[in-house]
Amino acid sequence: VQLQASGGGLVQAGGCLRLSCAASRRIGGVRYMAWYRQVPGKERELVASLATGGTTYYADFVKGRFTISRNLASTTSHLQMNSLEPEDTAIYFCNVKTVALQYWGQGTLVTVSS
């Protein structure tokens, strides 16, 4: 199974982007769908996650600006990013966790200009 992330690009500060993540086939037993981001030279950090039961988590630095959503039937997730800041510039990775396995997308670059 492969995850394909898309939707990144160049946007001005204050703008918005919508990232999407699609699995090559439906993944059963999903526990969490999440988005991480990584800046070169720094560790990958969790941005937002959505548990199967509907519980969401947002990192403090995106609360109120980003929204995660998902479609379990097709194992897709989205990250709506509003009020983007230059500090949000990073490669964004989607992630799916089941009980036994973890899948990563290839990353999509988000660049926010000031």
N, C-alpha and C. Protein backbone atom coordinates (compact mmCIF):
# COMPACT_ATOMS: atom_id res chain seq x y z
N VAL A 1 0.85 -1.19 0.00
CA VAL A 1 0.00 0.00 0.00
C VAL A 1 0.88 1.24 0.00
N GLN A 2 0.55 2.20 -0.83
CA GLN A 2 1.29 3.47 -0.88
C GLN A 2 0.36 4.62 -0.57
N LEU A 3 0.91 5.61 0.12
CA LEU A 3 0.17 6.84 0.38
C LEU A 3 0.70 7.92 -0.54
N GLN A 4 -0.19 8.64 -1.18
CA GLN A 4 0.20 9.72 -2.09
C GLN A 4 -0.28 11.04 -1.51
N ALA A 5 0.67 11.89 -1.15
CA ALA A 5 0.33 13.21 -0.63
C ALA A 5 0.39 14.23 -1.75
N SER A 6 -0.50 15.18 -1.72
CA SER A 6 -0.54 16.22 -2.75
C SER A 6 -1.11 17.50 -2.17
N GLY A 7 -0.99 18.57 -2.93
CA GLY A 7 -1.61 19.84 -2.53
C GLY A 7 -0.64 20.90 -2.06
N GLY A 8 0.63 20.55 -1.91
CA GLY A 8 1.60 21.53 -1.48
C GLY A 8 1.86 22.56 -2.56
N GLY A 9 2.59 23.58 -2.18
CA GLY A 9 2.91 24.61 -3.15
C GLY A 9 3.42 25.86 -2.47
N LEU A 10 3.51 26.92 -3.24
CA LEU A 10 3.98 28.21 -2.75
C LEU A 10 2.78 29.12 -2.51
N VAL A 11 2.73 29.71 -1.33
CA VAL A 11 1.62 30.59 -1.00
C VAL A 11 2.16 31.75 -0.16
N GLN A 12 1.49 32.87 -0.25
CA GLN A 12 1.89 34.02 0.56
C GLN A 12 1.36 33.88 1.99
N ALA A 13 2.03 34.51 2.91
CA ALA A 13 1.58 34.51 4.29
C ALA A 13 0.13 34.99 4.36
N GLY A 14 -0.65 34.29 5.18
CA GLY A 14 -2.07 34.60 5.27
C GLY A 14 -2.93 33.78 4.34
N GLY A 15 -2.31 33.11 3.39
CA GLY A 15 -3.05 32.30 2.44
C GLY A 15 -3.40 30.93 2.99
N CYS A 16 -3.94 30.09 2.12
CA CYS A 16 -4.37 28.77 2.54
C CYS A 16 -4.01 27.72 1.49
N LEU A 17 -3.90 26.51 1.95
CA LEU A 17 -3.68 25.34 1.11
C LEU A 17 -4.45 24.18 1.68
N ARG A 18 -4.80 23.23 0.83
CA ARG A 18 -5.46 22.01 1.27
C ARG A 18 -4.62 20.83 0.82
N LEU A 19 -4.09 20.10 1.76
CA LEU A 19 -3.30 18.92 1.44
C LEU A 19 -4.22 17.70 1.43
N SER A 20 -3.89 16.77 0.56
CA SER A 20 -4.65 15.54 0.47
C SER A 20 -3.72 14.35 0.53
N CYS A 21 -4.23 13.26 1.05
CA CYS A 21 -3.47 12.01 1.14
C CYS A 21 -4.39 10.88 0.75
N ALA A 22 -3.97 10.12 -0.24
CA ALA A 22 -4.80 9.02 -0.73
C ALA A 22 -4.00 7.73 -0.71
N ALA A 23 -4.63 6.68 -0.24
CA ALA A 23 -4.00 5.37 -0.24
C ALA A 23 -4.27 4.67 -1.56
N SER A 24 -3.32 3.86 -2.00
CA SER A 24 -3.47 3.15 -3.27
C SER A 24 -4.59 2.12 -3.20
N ARG A 25 -4.91 1.70 -1.99
CA ARG A 25 -6.08 0.86 -1.77
C ARG A 25 -6.54 1.07 -0.34
N ARG A 26 -7.74 0.68 -0.07
CA ARG A 26 -8.29 0.88 1.27
C ARG A 26 -7.45 0.11 2.28
N ILE A 27 -7.18 0.75 3.40
CA ILE A 27 -6.44 0.12 4.48
C ILE A 27 -7.43 -0.20 5.59
N GLY A 28 -7.50 -1.44 5.98
CA GLY A 28 -8.40 -1.83 7.06
C GLY A 28 -7.75 -1.66 8.42
N GLY A 29 -8.59 -1.53 9.43
CA GLY A 29 -8.07 -1.46 10.79
C GLY A 29 -7.33 -0.17 11.13
N VAL A 30 -7.71 0.91 10.46
CA VAL A 30 -7.02 2.18 10.73
C VAL A 30 -7.34 2.67 12.15
N ARG A 31 -6.32 3.06 12.87
CA ARG A 31 -6.48 3.65 14.20
C ARG A 31 -6.31 5.17 14.16
N TYR A 32 -5.32 5.65 13.41
CA TYR A 32 -5.07 7.08 13.33
C TYR A 32 -4.69 7.45 11.90
N MET A 33 -5.13 8.61 11.51
CA MET A 33 -4.63 9.24 10.31
C MET A 33 -4.05 10.58 10.75
N ALA A 34 -2.88 10.91 10.24
CA ALA A 34 -2.19 12.08 10.77
C ALA A 34 -1.38 12.78 9.70
N TRP A 35 -0.99 13.99 10.02
CA TRP A 35 -0.06 14.76 9.20
C TRP A 35 1.11 15.21 10.09
N TYR A 36 2.30 15.05 9.55
CA TYR A 36 3.52 15.51 10.19
C TYR A 36 4.20 16.51 9.25
N ARG A 37 5.16 17.21 9.80
CA ARG A 37 5.95 18.08 8.94
C ARG A 37 7.41 18.05 9.40
N GLN A 38 8.26 18.38 8.46
CA GLN A 38 9.70 18.36 8.75
C GLN A 38 10.40 19.46 7.99
N VAL A 39 11.23 20.16 8.72
CA VAL A 39 12.11 21.17 8.15
C VAL A 39 13.51 20.55 8.10
N PRO A 40 14.24 20.74 7.01
CA PRO A 40 15.60 20.16 6.92
C PRO A 40 16.42 20.50 8.15
N GLY A 41 17.04 19.47 8.72
CA GLY A 41 17.88 19.67 9.89
C GLY A 41 17.14 19.54 11.20
N LYS A 42 15.82 19.39 11.13
CA LYS A 42 15.02 19.25 12.35
C LYS A 42 14.25 17.94 12.32
N GLU A 43 13.78 17.54 13.49
CA GLU A 43 13.01 16.31 13.57
C GLU A 43 11.61 16.49 12.98
N ARG A 44 11.07 15.40 12.52
CA ARG A 44 9.71 15.42 12.03
C ARG A 44 8.78 15.63 13.23
N GLU A 45 7.79 16.49 13.06
CA GLU A 45 6.88 16.78 14.17
C GLU A 45 5.43 16.57 13.77
N LEU A 46 4.64 16.14 14.74
CA LEU A 46 3.24 15.89 14.50
C LEU A 46 2.49 17.22 14.39
N VAL A 47 1.70 17.34 13.35
CA VAL A 47 0.90 18.54 13.13
C VAL A 47 -0.53 18.32 13.61
N ALA A 48 -1.14 17.23 13.17
CA ALA A 48 -2.52 16.95 13.53
C ALA A 48 -2.79 15.47 13.33
N SER A 49 -3.70 14.94 14.13
CA SER A 49 -4.10 13.55 13.95
C SER A 49 -5.59 13.42 14.21
N LEU A 50 -6.13 12.35 13.66
CA LEU A 50 -7.56 12.09 13.79
C LEU A 50 -7.72 10.60 14.05
N ALA A 51 -8.22 10.27 15.23
CA ALA A 51 -8.42 8.88 15.59
C ALA A 51 -9.71 8.36 14.96
N THR A 52 -9.80 7.06 14.84
CA THR A 52 -10.96 6.44 14.21
C THR A 52 -12.25 6.86 14.91
N GLY A 53 -12.19 7.00 16.22
CA GLY A 53 -13.37 7.40 16.97
C GLY A 53 -13.74 8.86 16.81
N GLY A 54 -12.88 9.63 16.15
CA GLY A 54 -13.19 11.03 15.89
C GLY A 54 -12.39 12.02 16.72
N THR A 55 -11.62 11.54 17.67
CA THR A 55 -10.81 12.45 18.49
C THR A 55 -9.70 13.07 17.65
N THR A 56 -9.58 14.38 17.76
CA THR A 56 -8.55 15.08 17.02
C THR A 56 -7.47 15.61 17.97
N TYR A 57 -6.29 15.76 17.39
CA TYR A 57 -5.19 16.39 18.11
C TYR A 57 -4.57 17.40 17.16
N TYR A 58 -4.27 18.57 17.68
CA TYR A 58 -3.57 19.59 16.91
C TYR A 58 -2.39 20.10 17.73
N ALA A 59 -1.26 20.23 17.09
CA ALA A 59 -0.13 20.87 17.74
C ALA A 59 -0.48 22.32 18.06
N ASP A 60 0.07 22.82 19.13
CA ASP A 60 -0.25 24.18 19.55
C ASP A 60 -0.01 25.20 18.44
N PHE A 61 1.02 24.94 17.63
CA PHE A 61 1.40 25.94 16.63
C PHE A 61 0.44 26.00 15.45
N VAL A 62 -0.55 25.09 15.38
CA VAL A 62 -1.52 25.15 14.28
C VAL A 62 -2.97 25.23 14.76
N LYS A 63 -3.17 25.21 16.06
CA LYS A 63 -4.53 25.25 16.58
C LYS A 63 -5.27 26.48 16.11
N GLY A 64 -6.48 26.23 15.64
CA GLY A 64 -7.31 27.33 15.14
C GLY A 64 -7.04 27.69 13.70
N ARG A 65 -5.99 27.13 13.10
CA ARG A 65 -5.65 27.46 11.71
C ARG A 65 -5.78 26.26 10.79
N PHE A 66 -5.47 25.08 11.28
CA PHE A 66 -5.48 23.86 10.46
C PHE A 66 -6.64 22.96 10.90
N THR A 67 -7.17 22.22 9.94
CA THR A 67 -8.24 21.26 10.23
C THR A 67 -7.95 19.96 9.50
N ILE A 68 -7.99 18.87 10.24
CA ILE A 68 -7.78 17.55 9.63
C ILE A 68 -9.13 16.88 9.43
N SER A 69 -9.26 16.18 8.31
CA SER A 69 -10.48 15.42 8.04
C SER A 69 -10.08 14.13 7.35
N ARG A 70 -11.02 13.20 7.26
CA ARG A 70 -10.65 11.91 6.67
C ARG A 70 -11.88 11.22 6.12
N ASN A 71 -11.63 10.24 5.26
CA ASN A 71 -12.67 9.35 4.76
C ASN A 71 -12.13 7.95 4.95
N LEU A 72 -12.64 7.24 5.93
CA LEU A 72 -12.13 5.92 6.22
C LEU A 72 -12.43 4.92 5.12
N ALA A 73 -13.54 5.10 4.44
CA ALA A 73 -13.92 4.14 3.39
C ALA A 73 -12.88 4.09 2.28
N SER A 74 -12.25 5.22 2.00
CA SER A 74 -11.26 5.26 0.93
C SER A 74 -9.85 5.51 1.46
N THR A 75 -9.72 5.55 2.78
CA THR A 75 -8.43 5.84 3.42
C THR A 75 -7.78 7.07 2.81
N THR A 76 -8.53 8.15 2.86
CA THR A 76 -7.99 9.44 2.45
C THR A 76 -8.07 10.41 3.62
N SER A 77 -7.16 11.35 3.64
CA SER A 77 -7.21 12.39 4.64
C SER A 77 -6.87 13.72 3.99
N HIS A 78 -7.29 14.78 4.67
CA HIS A 78 -7.03 16.12 4.17
C HIS A 78 -6.56 16.99 5.32
N LEU A 79 -5.75 17.96 4.99
CA LEU A 79 -5.33 18.95 5.98
C LEU A 79 -5.60 20.33 5.38
N GLN A 80 -6.62 20.97 5.88
CA GLN A 80 -6.92 22.33 5.46
C GLN A 80 -6.09 23.29 6.28
N MET A 81 -5.28 24.07 5.60
CA MET A 81 -4.37 24.97 6.29
C MET A 81 -4.73 26.41 5.93
N ASN A 82 -5.16 27.15 6.93
CA ASN A 82 -5.52 28.55 6.75
C ASN A 82 -4.55 29.45 7.50
N SER A 83 -4.57 30.71 7.17
CA SER A 83 -3.72 31.70 7.84
C SER A 83 -2.28 31.21 7.94
N LEU A 84 -1.77 30.76 6.82
CA LEU A 84 -0.41 30.21 6.80
C LEU A 84 0.63 31.27 7.14
N GLU A 85 1.65 30.83 7.82
CA GLU A 85 2.76 31.68 8.25
C GLU A 85 4.05 31.15 7.66
N PRO A 86 5.05 32.03 7.48
CA PRO A 86 6.34 31.54 6.96
C PRO A 86 6.91 30.38 7.78
N GLU A 87 6.60 30.36 9.08
CA GLU A 87 7.09 29.27 9.94
C GLU A 87 6.45 27.92 9.61
N ASP A 88 5.40 27.94 8.82
CA ASP A 88 4.76 26.69 8.40
C ASP A 88 5.46 26.04 7.22
N THR A 89 6.46 26.70 6.68
CA THR A 89 7.21 26.15 5.56
C THR A 89 7.89 24.86 5.98
N ALA A 90 7.60 23.78 5.26
CA ALA A 90 8.13 22.46 5.61
C ALA A 90 7.67 21.46 4.56
N ILE A 91 8.20 20.28 4.66
CA ILE A 91 7.67 19.15 3.90
C ILE A 91 6.63 18.47 4.79
N TYR A 92 5.46 18.27 4.26
CA TYR A 92 4.35 17.70 5.02
C TYR A 92 4.17 16.23 4.59
N PHE A 93 4.08 15.37 5.58
CA PHE A 93 3.94 13.94 5.35
C PHE A 93 2.62 13.45 5.94
N CYS A 94 1.92 12.63 5.18
CA CYS A 94 0.73 12.00 5.75
C CYS A 94 1.12 10.64 6.33
N ASN A 95 0.31 10.20 7.26
CA ASN A 95 0.63 8.99 8.01
C ASN A 95 -0.65 8.25 8.36
N VAL A 96 -0.60 6.96 8.25
CA VAL A 96 -1.72 6.12 8.65
C VAL A 96 -1.20 5.02 9.57
N LYS A 97 -1.84 4.86 10.70
CA LYS A 97 -1.44 3.81 11.65
C LYS A 97 -2.59 2.83 11.83
N THR A 98 -2.25 1.56 11.73
CA THR A 98 -3.18 0.51 12.11
C THR A 98 -2.66 -0.13 13.39
N VAL A 99 -3.28 -1.19 13.81
CA VAL A 99 -2.81 -1.85 15.02
C VAL A 99 -1.39 -2.35 14.84
N ALA A 100 -1.09 -2.86 13.66
CA ALA A 100 0.19 -3.52 13.45
C ALA A 100 1.16 -2.76 12.55
N LEU A 101 0.64 -1.86 11.71
CA LEU A 101 1.49 -1.26 10.69
C LEU A 101 1.37 0.26 10.69
N GLN A 102 2.33 0.88 10.04
CA GLN A 102 2.36 2.33 9.87
C GLN A 102 2.78 2.62 8.43
N TYR A 103 2.08 3.57 7.81
CA TYR A 103 2.35 3.93 6.43
C TYR A 103 2.67 5.43 6.36
N TRP A 104 3.59 5.76 5.47
CA TRP A 104 3.97 7.16 5.26
C TRP A 104 3.80 7.54 3.79
N GLY A 105 3.33 8.74 3.57
CA GLY A 105 3.34 9.30 2.23
C GLY A 105 4.72 9.85 1.92
N GLN A 106 4.91 10.27 0.68
CA GLN A 106 6.24 10.69 0.25
C GLN A 106 6.55 12.13 0.61
N GLY A 107 5.59 12.88 1.06
CA GLY A 107 5.83 14.26 1.43
C GLY A 107 5.44 15.23 0.33
N THR A 108 4.92 16.36 0.75
CA THR A 108 4.59 17.42 -0.20
C THR A 108 5.09 18.73 0.40
N LEU A 109 5.77 19.52 -0.41
CA LEU A 109 6.44 20.72 0.07
C LEU A 109 5.47 21.89 0.13
N VAL A 110 5.45 22.53 1.29
CA VAL A 110 4.68 23.76 1.48
C VAL A 110 5.67 24.89 1.75
N THR A 111 5.58 25.92 0.96
CA THR A 111 6.45 27.07 1.12
C THR A 111 5.57 28.31 1.31
N VAL A 112 5.77 29.01 2.42
CA VAL A 112 4.98 30.20 2.71
C VAL A 112 5.91 31.41 2.68
N SER A 113 5.65 32.31 1.77
CA SER A 113 6.50 33.50 1.64
C SER A 113 5.96 34.63 2.50
N SER A 114 6.87 35.44 2.98
CA SER A 114 6.46 36.57 3.84
C SER A 114 6.16 37.81 3.03
